[in-house]
Amino acid sequence: MSAVEKSEQRRLSVFKTYKLYVGGKFPRSESGRVYEVSDSKGTWLANAPQSSRKDARDAVVAARKAFGGWSGATAYNRGQVLYRVAEMLEGRREQFVREVAEAEGLSKAKAAAVVDAAIDRWVWYAGWTDKIAQVVGGGNPVAGPFFNLSSPEPTGVVTVLAPQESSFLGLVSVIAPVIATGNTVVVVASEKCPLPALSLGEVLATSDVPGGVVNILSGRTAEIAAPLAAHQDVNAIDLAGADEELAKELEIAAADNLKRVVRPQAVDYTRTPGTEGLTAFLETKTVWHPTGALGASGSSY
């Protein structure tokens, strides 16, 4: 037996410690709590951080701090950043295939197809960053000597409850369009399958996404979502991962500061998405500008 083989027999495996991703850093939960995450057969996989209300508030602060720089970046630059995320995911493909297979009880081949689709989806949204303005904005014909222009602007800080069953493709499908349009996001990962989401935080940290643009929390969905829905500095909330009862409670809480709310609906995440995810968290700014006096001989400008 070689020395290498003897070493492999003696060594203990290094188990991965999963942490939150807030403000570009990897804190443990402020409460110090964790909860057990198991695969579809009940086998223990890891201990995931159980976020507290304080973690949720910290994530909102980080998202608000990052909003000015991210929303002020050019759409082309945001597209480059999203494409870089896809590149990083491609390099860690095997890790995500394993985590998705364990989380969702899929075969390796089916998990690989899910991961490939998620990577492709990042690329798809990266291509939309500098095109969505042409689709939903433009010049408006008006009576009188005015230019009338409508342009889309990001809503602000968005809370997203990630889908509970689609731990990676669904996750990407609700995060990517939010940040592609210049918003920042606080994500509540799938309560049952949080590990792919927490690993995504490691990818974002090593890509070009500025800290605070995406913040990822894990734990009990209802416990984390309640303070986020009521938070006065959260501008919108996507309830994709909430059941009907929780969605109703969160919608009532969100009404206090007139948050934009996207209610949960049945979505086939394997299908190519439309532009609904991009436009869900955009506001339209319309500007009137005088062109000058129009005389009998025509325009004066």
Foldseek 3Di string as FASTA:
>chain_A
DDPVVVVVVPDDDDADDFAWAAQLDGDAAPVNDWDFAFFPVRHTRYTYGAHAQVLLVRLLVLQQVCQVVLQPDALLVLLVQLLQLLVLCVVVLVVQLVLQCRHQVHDSVVSSVLSVLLSVLSNVLSVCLNPVQVVPWAWDDDPDQKTKTKGKGFQEEEEEEFAQNSQGLSRSVQLNLNSSRRYAYEYEGRARRPVSVSVSSVSSSPTPNRGSSYTYDYHDVLRNLQCVLQPLSHQAYEPQHDDPVSQVVSVVSNPPNDHQYHYHDDDDSSDDDDCCSNPSGIDMDMDMDGQCDADPVGGPD
